[in-house]
């Protein structure tokens, strides 16, 4: 684990990220808050590309909780059977739809606690939805952010909650809204798990990772 970087270094890192991509976006396809929740829940232990392939047709016919209930679990399974853990995920999606219809009038709640109370929705999923749909600066820490944060020193921590707190405490406020997107994309395409692409990294001179592949 690298040491926590200082304010000026972190500001320079995110200034470069911003200059490279001013408006980073999540890669999960969705049409409203409900389909976003479903897509993020389905993405656990799966790739965004794989989820998008499975949900592209699904969301054309089931883009609300009631339509998902009308579709039913077995028909849902047929749409998402290429995604890992699809049977358990299908059960959770149907349970979630029932709760949203019965308790929230078919609308997706926008508090972290209410979101996390939904079947199949953890803290990371809740943070993604709050950030992407409601533009709240919630930080969804996934494996890419955890790896990048600890390698670089931007947001080191022993677990995802510690990394999330490090992001909130150390990244300047004006970069908070897009911080997790910049870090996810950087971890997914540059600071990869095996053989990170340090030679192509726009912050390699600021990163504390000792095993750079230059």
N, C-alpha and C. Protein backbone atom coordinates (compact mmCIF):
# COMPACT_ATOMS: atom_id res chain seq x y z
N UNK A 1 0.84 -1.20 0.00
CA UNK A 1 0.00 0.00 0.00
C UNK A 1 0.88 1.25 0.00
N UNK A 2 0.63 2.14 -0.94
CA UNK A 2 1.39 3.39 -1.01
C UNK A 2 0.93 4.35 0.09
N UNK A 3 1.78 5.32 0.39
CA UNK A 3 1.39 6.36 1.34
C UNK A 3 0.41 7.33 0.69
N UNK A 4 -0.46 7.92 1.51
CA UNK A 4 -1.42 8.89 1.01
C UNK A 4 -0.71 10.08 0.38
N UNK A 5 -1.04 10.39 -0.86
CA UNK A 5 -0.46 11.54 -1.55
C UNK A 5 -0.96 12.85 -0.94
N UNK A 6 -0.19 13.89 -1.13
CA UNK A 6 -0.57 15.21 -0.60
C UNK A 6 -1.58 15.89 -1.52
N UNK A 7 -2.17 16.95 -1.01
CA UNK A 7 -3.24 17.68 -1.71
C UNK A 7 -2.81 18.14 -3.11
N UNK A 8 -1.65 18.75 -3.22
CA UNK A 8 -1.23 19.34 -4.50
C UNK A 8 -1.01 18.27 -5.56
N UNK A 9 -0.45 17.14 -5.15
CA UNK A 9 -0.24 16.04 -6.11
C UNK A 9 -1.57 15.47 -6.58
N UNK A 10 -2.49 15.26 -5.65
CA UNK A 10 -3.81 14.74 -6.03
C UNK A 10 -4.54 15.73 -6.95
N UNK A 11 -4.44 16.99 -6.64
CA UNK A 11 -5.09 17.99 -7.50
C UNK A 11 -4.50 17.94 -8.92
N UNK A 12 -3.21 17.78 -9.03
CA UNK A 12 -2.59 17.69 -10.35
C UNK A 12 -3.04 16.43 -11.08
N UNK A 13 -3.15 15.32 -10.36
CA UNK A 13 -3.61 14.07 -10.98
C UNK A 13 -5.00 14.24 -11.58
N UNK A 14 -5.91 14.80 -10.81
CA UNK A 14 -7.28 14.93 -11.29
C UNK A 14 -7.44 16.07 -12.30
N UNK A 15 -6.54 17.03 -12.25
CA UNK A 15 -6.52 18.05 -13.31
C UNK A 15 -6.18 17.40 -14.64
N UNK A 16 -5.25 16.47 -14.62
CA UNK A 16 -4.89 15.75 -15.85
C UNK A 16 -6.03 14.83 -16.31
N UNK A 17 -6.64 14.12 -15.37
CA UNK A 17 -7.78 13.28 -15.73
C UNK A 17 -8.89 14.12 -16.39
N UNK A 18 -9.16 15.27 -15.81
CA UNK A 18 -10.20 16.15 -16.33
C UNK A 18 -9.85 16.65 -17.72
N UNK A 19 -8.60 17.02 -17.90
CA UNK A 19 -8.16 17.52 -19.21
C UNK A 19 -8.28 16.43 -20.27
N UNK A 20 -8.02 15.20 -19.87
CA UNK A 20 -8.07 14.08 -20.81
C UNK A 20 -9.50 13.70 -21.16
N UNK A 21 -10.40 13.75 -20.15
CA UNK A 21 -11.81 13.40 -20.38
C UNK A 21 -12.68 14.20 -19.42
N UNK A 22 -13.15 15.37 -19.82
CA UNK A 22 -13.88 16.27 -18.93
C UNK A 22 -15.18 15.69 -18.35
N UNK A 23 -15.87 14.86 -19.13
CA UNK A 23 -17.15 14.32 -18.68
C UNK A 23 -17.14 12.78 -18.79
N UNK A 24 -16.43 12.11 -17.91
CA UNK A 24 -16.39 10.64 -17.98
C UNK A 24 -17.75 10.05 -17.65
N UNK A 25 -18.08 8.94 -18.27
CA UNK A 25 -19.39 8.32 -18.05
C UNK A 25 -19.22 6.83 -17.76
N UNK A 26 -20.15 6.32 -16.96
CA UNK A 26 -20.17 4.89 -16.72
C UNK A 26 -20.53 4.17 -18.01
N UNK A 27 -20.12 2.93 -18.14
CA UNK A 27 -20.30 2.21 -19.39
C UNK A 27 -21.53 1.31 -19.41
N UNK A 28 -22.28 1.23 -18.32
CA UNK A 28 -23.49 0.43 -18.29
C UNK A 28 -24.64 1.18 -18.98
N UNK A 29 -25.28 0.53 -19.92
CA UNK A 29 -26.38 1.15 -20.65
C UNK A 29 -27.66 1.11 -19.80
N UNK A 30 -28.40 2.23 -19.80
CA UNK A 30 -29.64 2.32 -19.04
C UNK A 30 -30.49 3.44 -19.63
N UNK A 31 -31.78 3.42 -19.31
CA UNK A 31 -32.68 4.45 -19.85
C UNK A 31 -33.35 5.27 -18.75
N UNK A 32 -33.28 4.79 -17.51
CA UNK A 32 -33.86 5.52 -16.38
C UNK A 32 -33.22 5.00 -15.09
N UNK A 33 -33.66 5.55 -13.96
CA UNK A 33 -33.05 5.15 -12.68
C UNK A 33 -33.25 3.66 -12.41
N UNK A 34 -34.41 3.13 -12.77
CA UNK A 34 -34.69 1.72 -12.50
C UNK A 34 -33.76 0.80 -13.30
N UNK A 35 -33.64 1.05 -14.59
CA UNK A 35 -32.77 0.19 -15.39
C UNK A 35 -31.31 0.33 -14.97
N UNK A 36 -30.93 1.50 -14.46
CA UNK A 36 -29.57 1.67 -13.95
C UNK A 36 -29.35 0.79 -12.72
N UNK A 37 -30.30 0.79 -11.79
CA UNK A 37 -30.18 -0.05 -10.60
C UNK A 37 -30.04 -1.51 -11.00
N UNK A 38 -30.90 -1.96 -11.92
CA UNK A 38 -30.86 -3.35 -12.36
C UNK A 38 -29.53 -3.66 -13.03
N UNK A 39 -29.07 -2.79 -13.92
CA UNK A 39 -27.83 -3.03 -14.63
C UNK A 39 -26.64 -3.12 -13.67
N UNK A 40 -26.58 -2.22 -12.70
CA UNK A 40 -25.46 -2.24 -11.76
C UNK A 40 -25.52 -3.50 -10.89
N UNK A 41 -26.72 -3.87 -10.46
CA UNK A 41 -26.86 -5.09 -9.66
C UNK A 41 -26.42 -6.32 -10.47
N UNK A 42 -26.74 -6.35 -11.74
CA UNK A 42 -26.36 -7.49 -12.59
C UNK A 42 -24.86 -7.52 -12.87
N UNK A 43 -24.20 -6.38 -12.73
CA UNK A 43 -22.79 -6.29 -13.11
C UNK A 43 -21.83 -6.89 -12.09
N UNK A 44 -22.36 -7.29 -10.91
CA UNK A 44 -21.48 -7.91 -9.92
C UNK A 44 -20.88 -9.19 -10.49
N UNK A 45 -19.55 -9.29 -10.42
CA UNK A 45 -18.82 -10.44 -10.96
C UNK A 45 -19.12 -10.66 -12.44
N UNK A 46 -19.33 -9.58 -13.16
CA UNK A 46 -19.56 -9.64 -14.61
C UNK A 46 -18.99 -8.37 -15.22
N UNK A 47 -18.77 -8.38 -16.52
CA UNK A 47 -18.26 -7.19 -17.20
C UNK A 47 -19.42 -6.29 -17.64
N UNK A 48 -19.14 -5.01 -17.73
CA UNK A 48 -20.16 -4.08 -18.22
C UNK A 48 -20.61 -4.45 -19.62
N UNK A 49 -19.66 -4.85 -20.46
CA UNK A 49 -19.99 -5.21 -21.83
C UNK A 49 -20.93 -6.41 -21.87
N UNK A 50 -20.67 -7.39 -21.00
CA UNK A 50 -21.53 -8.56 -20.95
C UNK A 50 -22.93 -8.23 -20.46
N UNK A 51 -23.01 -7.34 -19.47
CA UNK A 51 -24.32 -6.91 -18.97
C UNK A 51 -25.07 -6.15 -20.06
N UNK A 52 -24.38 -5.28 -20.76
CA UNK A 52 -25.03 -4.50 -21.83
C UNK A 52 -25.61 -5.41 -22.91
N UNK A 53 -24.89 -6.44 -23.27
CA UNK A 53 -25.39 -7.38 -24.28
C UNK A 53 -26.66 -8.06 -23.81
N UNK A 54 -26.71 -8.39 -22.52
CA UNK A 54 -27.86 -9.10 -21.98
C UNK A 54 -29.07 -8.19 -21.76
N UNK A 55 -28.82 -6.93 -21.42
CA UNK A 55 -29.94 -6.04 -21.06
C UNK A 55 -30.46 -5.20 -22.22
N UNK A 56 -29.75 -5.19 -23.32
CA UNK A 56 -30.14 -4.33 -24.44
C UNK A 56 -31.58 -4.63 -24.89
N UNK A 57 -31.91 -5.90 -25.04
CA UNK A 57 -33.27 -6.28 -25.43
C UNK A 57 -34.20 -6.30 -24.22
N UNK A 58 -33.67 -6.69 -23.07
CA UNK A 58 -34.48 -6.75 -21.85
C UNK A 58 -35.11 -5.40 -21.53
N UNK A 59 -34.31 -4.34 -21.58
CA UNK A 59 -34.81 -3.02 -21.18
C UNK A 59 -35.79 -2.43 -22.19
N UNK A 60 -35.87 -3.01 -23.37
CA UNK A 60 -36.87 -2.56 -24.35
C UNK A 60 -38.27 -3.00 -23.93
N UNK A 61 -38.35 -4.09 -23.16
CA UNK A 61 -39.66 -4.61 -22.76
C UNK A 61 -39.90 -4.53 -21.25
N UNK A 62 -38.86 -4.28 -20.46
CA UNK A 62 -39.02 -4.23 -19.01
C UNK A 62 -38.18 -3.10 -18.43
N UNK A 63 -38.66 -1.88 -18.62
CA UNK A 63 -37.91 -0.71 -18.14
C UNK A 63 -38.54 -0.08 -16.91
N UNK A 64 -39.51 -0.75 -16.30
CA UNK A 64 -40.11 -0.30 -15.03
C UNK A 64 -40.26 -1.53 -14.13
N UNK A 65 -40.39 -1.32 -12.83
CA UNK A 65 -40.58 -2.47 -11.93
C UNK A 65 -41.83 -3.30 -12.28
N UNK A 66 -42.92 -2.64 -12.63
CA UNK A 66 -44.14 -3.39 -12.95
C UNK A 66 -43.95 -4.23 -14.21
N UNK A 67 -43.29 -3.68 -15.20
CA UNK A 67 -43.05 -4.44 -16.43
C UNK A 67 -42.13 -5.63 -16.15
N UNK A 68 -41.19 -5.46 -15.21
CA UNK A 68 -40.31 -6.57 -14.85
C UNK A 68 -41.10 -7.67 -14.16
N UNK A 69 -42.04 -7.29 -13.30
CA UNK A 69 -42.90 -8.28 -12.65
C UNK A 69 -43.77 -8.99 -13.68
N UNK A 70 -44.28 -8.22 -14.63
CA UNK A 70 -45.11 -8.82 -15.68
C UNK A 70 -44.31 -9.80 -16.53
N UNK A 71 -43.03 -9.49 -16.74
CA UNK A 71 -42.17 -10.38 -17.52
C UNK A 71 -41.98 -11.71 -16.80
N UNK A 72 -41.71 -11.64 -15.49
CA UNK A 72 -41.56 -12.85 -14.70
C UNK A 72 -40.13 -13.37 -14.64
N UNK A 73 -39.87 -14.17 -13.62
CA UNK A 73 -38.51 -14.63 -13.36
C UNK A 73 -37.95 -15.52 -14.45
N UNK A 74 -38.74 -16.47 -14.95
CA UNK A 74 -38.23 -17.40 -15.95
C UNK A 74 -37.88 -16.68 -17.26
N UNK A 75 -38.73 -15.75 -17.67
CA UNK A 75 -38.44 -15.00 -18.90
C UNK A 75 -37.24 -14.09 -18.69
N UNK A 76 -37.10 -13.55 -17.48
CA UNK A 76 -35.93 -12.72 -17.16
C UNK A 76 -34.65 -13.54 -17.27
N UNK A 77 -34.69 -14.76 -16.76
CA UNK A 77 -33.53 -15.64 -16.82
C UNK A 77 -33.07 -15.85 -18.26
N UNK A 78 -34.01 -15.98 -19.17
CA UNK A 78 -33.65 -16.18 -20.57
C UNK A 78 -32.86 -15.01 -21.12
N UNK A 79 -33.14 -13.82 -20.62
CA UNK A 79 -32.42 -12.61 -21.08
C UNK A 79 -31.03 -12.51 -20.47
N UNK A 80 -30.87 -12.95 -19.22
CA UNK A 80 -29.62 -12.69 -18.51
C UNK A 80 -28.79 -13.95 -18.25
N UNK A 81 -29.11 -15.05 -18.90
CA UNK A 81 -28.44 -16.32 -18.60
C UNK A 81 -26.97 -16.34 -19.03
N UNK A 82 -26.53 -15.35 -19.78
CA UNK A 82 -25.11 -15.27 -20.14
C UNK A 82 -24.29 -14.56 -19.06
N UNK A 83 -24.96 -14.04 -18.04
CA UNK A 83 -24.29 -13.31 -16.96
C UNK A 83 -24.05 -14.27 -15.79
N UNK A 84 -22.91 -14.14 -15.14
CA UNK A 84 -22.62 -14.98 -13.99
C UNK A 84 -23.64 -14.84 -12.88
N UNK A 85 -23.92 -15.95 -12.20
CA UNK A 85 -24.87 -15.98 -11.08
C UNK A 85 -26.27 -15.53 -11.50
N UNK A 86 -26.65 -15.85 -12.74
CA UNK A 86 -27.87 -15.29 -13.30
C UNK A 86 -29.14 -15.72 -12.56
N UNK A 87 -29.19 -16.93 -12.02
CA UNK A 87 -30.41 -17.37 -11.33
C UNK A 87 -30.65 -16.58 -10.05
N UNK A 88 -29.61 -16.41 -9.26
CA UNK A 88 -29.74 -15.64 -8.03
C UNK A 88 -30.02 -14.18 -8.33
N UNK A 89 -29.38 -13.66 -9.36
CA UNK A 89 -29.61 -12.27 -9.74
C UNK A 89 -31.05 -12.06 -10.22
N UNK A 90 -31.58 -13.03 -10.95
CA UNK A 90 -32.96 -12.92 -11.43
C UNK A 90 -33.93 -12.88 -10.25
N UNK A 91 -33.69 -13.73 -9.26
CA UNK A 91 -34.55 -13.73 -8.06
C UNK A 91 -34.53 -12.36 -7.39
N UNK A 92 -33.33 -11.79 -7.26
CA UNK A 92 -33.20 -10.49 -6.61
C UNK A 92 -33.86 -9.37 -7.41
N UNK A 93 -33.73 -9.42 -8.73
CA UNK A 93 -34.36 -8.39 -9.58
C UNK A 93 -35.87 -8.43 -9.43
N UNK A 94 -36.44 -9.61 -9.39
CA UNK A 94 -37.89 -9.73 -9.24
C UNK A 94 -38.33 -9.28 -7.85
N UNK A 95 -37.58 -9.68 -6.82
CA UNK A 95 -37.90 -9.24 -5.45
C UNK A 95 -37.80 -7.72 -5.35
N UNK A 96 -36.76 -7.16 -5.96
CA UNK A 96 -36.57 -5.71 -5.95
C UNK A 96 -37.75 -5.01 -6.63
N UNK A 97 -38.19 -5.54 -7.76
CA UNK A 97 -39.30 -4.94 -8.48
C UNK A 97 -40.56 -4.94 -7.63
N UNK A 98 -40.80 -6.04 -6.91
CA UNK A 98 -41.99 -6.13 -6.05
C UNK A 98 -41.94 -5.08 -4.95
N UNK A 99 -40.78 -4.92 -4.33
CA UNK A 99 -40.65 -3.91 -3.27
C UNK A 99 -40.85 -2.51 -3.82
N UNK A 100 -40.26 -2.23 -4.98
CA UNK A 100 -40.40 -0.89 -5.56
C UNK A 100 -41.84 -0.58 -5.91
N UNK A 101 -42.58 -1.57 -6.39
CA UNK A 101 -44.00 -1.37 -6.71
C UNK A 101 -44.82 -1.20 -5.44
N UNK A 102 -44.60 -2.07 -4.47
CA UNK A 102 -45.43 -2.08 -3.27
C UNK A 102 -45.12 -0.96 -2.29
N UNK A 103 -43.83 -0.59 -2.19
CA UNK A 103 -43.44 0.36 -1.14
C UNK A 103 -43.04 1.74 -1.66
N UNK A 104 -42.72 1.84 -2.96
CA UNK A 104 -42.23 3.11 -3.48
C UNK A 104 -43.00 3.59 -4.70
N UNK A 105 -44.16 3.00 -4.95
CA UNK A 105 -44.97 3.44 -6.07
C UNK A 105 -44.30 3.28 -7.41
N UNK A 106 -43.39 2.31 -7.50
CA UNK A 106 -42.70 2.06 -8.76
C UNK A 106 -41.51 2.96 -9.02
N UNK A 107 -41.19 3.84 -8.06
CA UNK A 107 -40.06 4.76 -8.21
C UNK A 107 -38.84 4.24 -7.45
N UNK A 108 -37.66 4.62 -7.90
CA UNK A 108 -36.43 4.22 -7.22
C UNK A 108 -36.09 5.26 -6.15
N UNK A 109 -35.94 4.84 -4.89
CA UNK A 109 -35.60 5.80 -3.83
C UNK A 109 -34.18 6.33 -4.03
N UNK A 110 -33.92 7.53 -3.51
CA UNK A 110 -32.60 8.11 -3.72
C UNK A 110 -31.87 8.44 -2.42
N UNK A 111 -31.99 7.55 -1.45
CA UNK A 111 -31.10 7.60 -0.29
C UNK A 111 -30.29 6.32 -0.29
N UNK A 112 -29.08 6.38 0.22
CA UNK A 112 -28.22 5.20 0.22
C UNK A 112 -28.84 4.08 1.05
N UNK A 113 -29.41 4.42 2.19
CA UNK A 113 -29.99 3.40 3.06
C UNK A 113 -31.15 2.69 2.38
N UNK A 114 -32.03 3.45 1.73
CA UNK A 114 -33.18 2.84 1.06
C UNK A 114 -32.74 1.97 -0.11
N UNK A 115 -31.74 2.43 -0.84
CA UNK A 115 -31.24 1.64 -1.96
C UNK A 115 -30.59 0.34 -1.46
N UNK A 116 -29.77 0.44 -0.42
CA UNK A 116 -29.09 -0.74 0.09
C UNK A 116 -30.04 -1.76 0.69
N UNK A 117 -31.24 -1.33 1.06
CA UNK A 117 -32.24 -2.26 1.61
C UNK A 117 -32.88 -3.11 0.52
N UNK A 118 -32.66 -2.75 -0.75
CA UNK A 118 -33.24 -3.51 -1.85
C UNK A 118 -32.44 -4.79 -2.10
N UNK A 119 -33.11 -5.89 -2.47
CA UNK A 119 -32.41 -7.15 -2.74
C UNK A 119 -31.37 -6.99 -3.84
N UNK A 120 -30.16 -7.49 -3.60
CA UNK A 120 -29.10 -7.44 -4.60
C UNK A 120 -28.38 -6.12 -4.72
N UNK A 121 -28.73 -5.15 -3.87
CA UNK A 121 -28.10 -3.83 -3.93
C UNK A 121 -27.21 -3.62 -2.70
N UNK A 122 -25.93 -3.52 -2.93
CA UNK A 122 -24.99 -3.24 -1.86
C UNK A 122 -24.56 -1.78 -1.88
N UNK A 123 -23.59 -1.45 -1.07
CA UNK A 123 -23.14 -0.06 -0.97
C UNK A 123 -22.58 0.45 -2.30
N UNK A 124 -21.82 -0.41 -2.98
CA UNK A 124 -21.23 0.02 -4.25
C UNK A 124 -22.31 0.33 -5.27
N UNK A 125 -23.28 -0.56 -5.40
CA UNK A 125 -24.38 -0.34 -6.34
C UNK A 125 -25.13 0.94 -6.00
N UNK A 126 -25.44 1.12 -4.72
CA UNK A 126 -26.15 2.32 -4.29
C UNK A 126 -25.37 3.58 -4.65
N UNK A 127 -24.06 3.56 -4.43
CA UNK A 127 -23.24 4.73 -4.74
C UNK A 127 -23.19 5.01 -6.24
N UNK A 128 -23.13 3.95 -7.06
CA UNK A 128 -23.13 4.15 -8.51
C UNK A 128 -24.42 4.85 -8.94
N UNK A 129 -25.54 4.38 -8.43
CA UNK A 129 -26.84 4.94 -8.82
C UNK A 129 -26.97 6.39 -8.34
N UNK A 130 -26.59 6.65 -7.11
CA UNK A 130 -26.65 8.02 -6.59
C UNK A 130 -25.78 8.96 -7.41
N UNK A 131 -24.63 8.48 -7.83
CA UNK A 131 -23.70 9.31 -8.59
C UNK A 131 -24.18 9.50 -10.02
N UNK A 132 -24.49 8.40 -10.70
CA UNK A 132 -24.79 8.48 -12.13
C UNK A 132 -26.16 9.08 -12.42
N UNK A 133 -27.14 8.80 -11.58
CA UNK A 133 -28.48 9.29 -11.89
C UNK A 133 -28.78 10.61 -11.21
N UNK A 134 -28.39 10.72 -9.93
CA UNK A 134 -28.72 11.95 -9.20
C UNK A 134 -27.53 12.90 -9.06
N UNK A 135 -26.39 12.54 -9.63
CA UNK A 135 -25.20 13.41 -9.64
C UNK A 135 -24.71 13.76 -8.25
N UNK A 136 -24.96 12.85 -7.31
CA UNK A 136 -24.44 13.03 -5.95
C UNK A 136 -23.01 12.48 -5.93
N UNK A 137 -22.08 13.16 -5.27
CA UNK A 137 -20.68 12.73 -5.31
C UNK A 137 -20.39 11.51 -4.44
N UNK A 138 -21.16 10.44 -4.65
CA UNK A 138 -20.92 9.18 -3.96
C UNK A 138 -19.81 8.42 -4.69
N UNK A 139 -19.00 7.70 -3.94
CA UNK A 139 -17.83 7.05 -4.51
C UNK A 139 -17.99 5.53 -4.47
N UNK A 140 -18.18 4.94 -5.62
CA UNK A 140 -18.37 3.49 -5.71
C UNK A 140 -17.01 2.82 -5.92
N UNK A 141 -16.52 2.18 -4.88
CA UNK A 141 -15.19 1.57 -4.93
C UNK A 141 -15.30 0.13 -5.44
N UNK A 142 -14.74 -0.11 -6.62
CA UNK A 142 -14.69 -1.46 -7.17
C UNK A 142 -13.23 -1.94 -7.17
N UNK A 143 -12.98 -3.09 -7.78
CA UNK A 143 -11.62 -3.63 -7.77
C UNK A 143 -10.63 -2.71 -8.48
N UNK A 144 -11.09 -2.00 -9.52
CA UNK A 144 -10.20 -1.11 -10.26
C UNK A 144 -9.75 0.07 -9.40
N UNK A 145 -10.71 0.67 -8.70
CA UNK A 145 -10.39 1.81 -7.83
C UNK A 145 -9.53 1.37 -6.65
N UNK A 146 -9.86 0.21 -6.08
CA UNK A 146 -9.10 -0.30 -4.94
C UNK A 146 -7.63 -0.51 -5.34
N UNK A 147 -7.42 -1.09 -6.50
CA UNK A 147 -6.07 -1.34 -7.00
C UNK A 147 -5.35 -0.02 -7.29
N UNK A 148 -6.00 0.84 -8.05
CA UNK A 148 -5.38 2.12 -8.41
C UNK A 148 -5.10 2.97 -7.18
N UNK A 149 -6.06 3.04 -6.27
CA UNK A 149 -5.90 3.89 -5.08
C UNK A 149 -4.72 3.47 -4.23
N UNK A 150 -4.54 2.15 -4.09
CA UNK A 150 -3.45 1.65 -3.27
C UNK A 150 -2.11 1.67 -3.98
N UNK A 151 -2.10 1.48 -5.28
CA UNK A 151 -0.84 1.58 -6.04
C UNK A 151 -0.33 3.01 -6.08
N UNK A 152 -1.22 3.92 -6.39
CA UNK A 152 -0.81 5.30 -6.68
C UNK A 152 -0.62 6.15 -5.44
N UNK A 153 -1.40 5.85 -4.39
CA UNK A 153 -1.40 6.70 -3.20
C UNK A 153 -2.49 7.75 -3.24
N UNK A 154 -3.35 7.73 -4.26
CA UNK A 154 -4.46 8.69 -4.33
C UNK A 154 -5.45 8.44 -3.21
N UNK A 155 -5.76 7.15 -2.97
CA UNK A 155 -6.74 6.83 -1.93
C UNK A 155 -6.46 5.44 -1.37
N UNK A 156 -5.34 5.27 -0.66
CA UNK A 156 -5.00 3.96 -0.11
C UNK A 156 -5.91 3.58 1.05
N UNK A 157 -6.12 2.27 1.19
CA UNK A 157 -6.94 1.78 2.29
C UNK A 157 -6.95 0.27 2.31
N UNK A 158 -7.16 -0.32 3.50
CA UNK A 158 -7.11 -1.77 3.65
C UNK A 158 -8.37 -2.45 3.14
N UNK A 159 -9.48 -1.72 3.05
CA UNK A 159 -10.71 -2.28 2.53
C UNK A 159 -11.46 -1.20 1.75
N UNK A 160 -12.57 -1.59 1.12
CA UNK A 160 -13.27 -0.65 0.24
C UNK A 160 -13.84 0.55 1.00
N UNK A 161 -14.25 0.33 2.25
CA UNK A 161 -14.79 1.45 3.03
C UNK A 161 -13.68 2.46 3.34
N UNK A 162 -12.49 1.96 3.66
CA UNK A 162 -11.36 2.85 3.93
C UNK A 162 -10.96 3.62 2.68
N UNK A 163 -11.00 2.95 1.53
CA UNK A 163 -10.68 3.64 0.27
C UNK A 163 -11.74 4.69 -0.04
N UNK A 164 -13.01 4.34 0.17
CA UNK A 164 -14.09 5.31 -0.06
C UNK A 164 -13.90 6.55 0.82
N UNK A 165 -13.54 6.33 2.07
CA UNK A 165 -13.32 7.46 2.99
C UNK A 165 -12.11 8.28 2.54
N UNK A 166 -11.06 7.61 2.05
CA UNK A 166 -9.88 8.33 1.59
C UNK A 166 -10.20 9.20 0.38
N UNK A 167 -11.07 8.71 -0.50
CA UNK A 167 -11.50 9.51 -1.65
C UNK A 167 -12.22 10.76 -1.17
N UNK A 168 -13.19 10.56 -0.28
CA UNK A 168 -14.00 11.67 0.22
C UNK A 168 -13.15 12.69 0.98
N UNK A 169 -12.16 12.20 1.70
CA UNK A 169 -11.35 13.08 2.54
C UNK A 169 -10.25 13.82 1.78
N UNK A 170 -9.73 13.22 0.70
CA UNK A 170 -8.52 13.75 0.09
C UNK A 170 -8.65 14.31 -1.31
N UNK A 171 -9.65 13.88 -2.06
CA UNK A 171 -9.80 14.41 -3.42
C UNK A 171 -10.55 15.73 -3.35
N UNK A 172 -10.02 16.78 -3.98
CA UNK A 172 -10.67 18.09 -3.93
C UNK A 172 -12.14 18.03 -4.37
N UNK A 173 -12.95 18.82 -3.72
CA UNK A 173 -14.40 18.78 -3.92
C UNK A 173 -14.80 18.97 -5.38
N UNK A 174 -14.09 19.83 -6.10
CA UNK A 174 -14.49 20.10 -7.49
C UNK A 174 -14.26 18.89 -8.41
N UNK A 175 -13.56 17.88 -7.91
CA UNK A 175 -13.36 16.66 -8.71
C UNK A 175 -14.17 15.48 -8.16
N UNK A 176 -14.89 15.66 -7.08
CA UNK A 176 -15.55 14.55 -6.41
C UNK A 176 -16.62 13.87 -7.26
N UNK A 177 -17.39 14.64 -8.00
CA UNK A 177 -18.51 14.04 -8.73
C UNK A 177 -18.04 12.98 -9.74
N UNK A 178 -16.94 13.27 -10.44
CA UNK A 178 -16.48 12.34 -11.46
C UNK A 178 -15.30 11.48 -11.01
N UNK A 179 -14.89 11.62 -9.76
CA UNK A 179 -13.66 10.95 -9.30
C UNK A 179 -13.70 9.45 -9.53
N UNK A 180 -14.80 8.80 -9.15
CA UNK A 180 -14.79 7.34 -9.26
C UNK A 180 -14.82 6.88 -10.72
N UNK A 181 -15.44 7.68 -11.61
CA UNK A 181 -15.43 7.31 -13.02
C UNK A 181 -14.02 7.41 -13.60
N UNK A 182 -13.32 8.48 -13.29
CA UNK A 182 -11.95 8.62 -13.79
C UNK A 182 -11.08 7.47 -13.30
N UNK A 183 -11.24 7.12 -12.04
CA UNK A 183 -10.39 6.06 -11.47
C UNK A 183 -10.77 4.68 -12.01
N UNK A 184 -12.06 4.42 -12.18
CA UNK A 184 -12.49 3.14 -12.75
C UNK A 184 -11.93 2.98 -14.16
N UNK A 185 -12.09 4.00 -14.98
CA UNK A 185 -11.62 3.92 -16.36
C UNK A 185 -10.10 3.79 -16.41
N UNK A 186 -9.42 4.50 -15.52
CA UNK A 186 -7.96 4.42 -15.50
C UNK A 186 -7.52 3.01 -15.08
N UNK A 187 -8.21 2.46 -14.08
CA UNK A 187 -7.88 1.12 -13.63
C UNK A 187 -8.25 0.04 -14.63
N UNK A 188 -9.31 0.27 -15.36
CA UNK A 188 -9.78 -0.72 -16.33
C UNK A 188 -8.91 -0.78 -17.58
N UNK A 189 -8.39 0.38 -18.01
CA UNK A 189 -7.69 0.43 -19.30
C UNK A 189 -6.20 0.74 -19.21
N UNK A 190 -5.74 1.33 -18.11
CA UNK A 190 -4.32 1.69 -18.01
C UNK A 190 -3.66 1.00 -16.81
N UNK A 191 -4.17 1.24 -15.62
CA UNK A 191 -3.59 0.66 -14.40
C UNK A 191 -4.19 -0.72 -14.17
N UNK A 192 -3.99 -1.60 -15.15
CA UNK A 192 -4.60 -2.93 -15.12
C UNK A 192 -3.88 -3.82 -14.11
N UNK A 193 -4.54 -4.92 -13.74
CA UNK A 193 -4.01 -5.78 -12.68
C UNK A 193 -2.66 -6.38 -13.05
N UNK A 194 -2.58 -6.95 -14.25
CA UNK A 194 -1.32 -7.55 -14.69
C UNK A 194 -0.67 -6.65 -15.75
N UNK A 195 0.59 -6.41 -15.57
CA UNK A 195 1.34 -5.58 -16.50
C UNK A 195 0.66 -4.23 -16.76
N UNK A 196 0.56 -3.40 -15.73
CA UNK A 196 -0.05 -2.07 -15.93
C UNK A 196 0.69 -1.30 -17.02
N UNK A 197 -0.06 -0.49 -17.75
CA UNK A 197 0.50 0.21 -18.91
C UNK A 197 1.12 1.54 -18.48
N UNK A 198 2.14 1.44 -17.65
CA UNK A 198 2.73 2.64 -17.06
C UNK A 198 3.34 3.57 -18.10
N UNK A 199 3.87 3.02 -19.18
CA UNK A 199 4.49 3.86 -20.20
C UNK A 199 3.48 4.80 -20.85
N UNK A 200 2.20 4.38 -20.86
CA UNK A 200 1.15 5.19 -21.47
C UNK A 200 0.35 5.97 -20.44
N UNK A 201 0.75 5.92 -19.19
CA UNK A 201 -0.02 6.54 -18.10
C UNK A 201 0.27 8.04 -18.00
N UNK A 202 -0.80 8.83 -17.97
CA UNK A 202 -0.62 10.27 -17.94
C UNK A 202 -0.25 10.80 -16.56
N UNK A 203 -0.22 9.95 -15.54
CA UNK A 203 0.18 10.41 -14.20
C UNK A 203 1.36 9.59 -13.65
N UNK A 204 2.11 8.94 -14.52
CA UNK A 204 3.16 8.04 -14.04
C UNK A 204 4.23 8.76 -13.22
N UNK A 205 4.45 10.05 -13.49
CA UNK A 205 5.46 10.79 -12.74
C UNK A 205 4.97 11.16 -11.34
N UNK A 206 3.67 11.04 -11.10
CA UNK A 206 3.09 11.39 -9.80
C UNK A 206 2.71 10.16 -8.98
N UNK A 207 2.59 9.03 -9.64
CA UNK A 207 2.16 7.78 -9.00
C UNK A 207 3.29 7.19 -8.17
N UNK A 208 2.95 6.61 -7.01
CA UNK A 208 3.95 6.04 -6.11
C UNK A 208 4.21 4.55 -6.35
N UNK A 209 3.55 3.95 -7.32
CA UNK A 209 3.73 2.51 -7.57
C UNK A 209 5.20 2.23 -7.88
N UNK A 210 5.81 1.34 -7.11
CA UNK A 210 7.25 1.09 -7.21
C UNK A 210 7.62 0.13 -8.34
N UNK A 211 6.65 -0.63 -8.82
CA UNK A 211 6.96 -1.65 -9.84
C UNK A 211 6.45 -1.22 -11.22
N UNK A 212 6.72 0.00 -11.58
CA UNK A 212 6.25 0.53 -12.86
C UNK A 212 6.83 -0.25 -14.02
N UNK A 213 6.00 -0.47 -15.04
CA UNK A 213 6.43 -1.21 -16.23
C UNK A 213 6.76 -0.21 -17.34
N UNK A 214 7.94 0.35 -17.26
CA UNK A 214 8.33 1.39 -18.21
C UNK A 214 9.26 0.82 -19.27
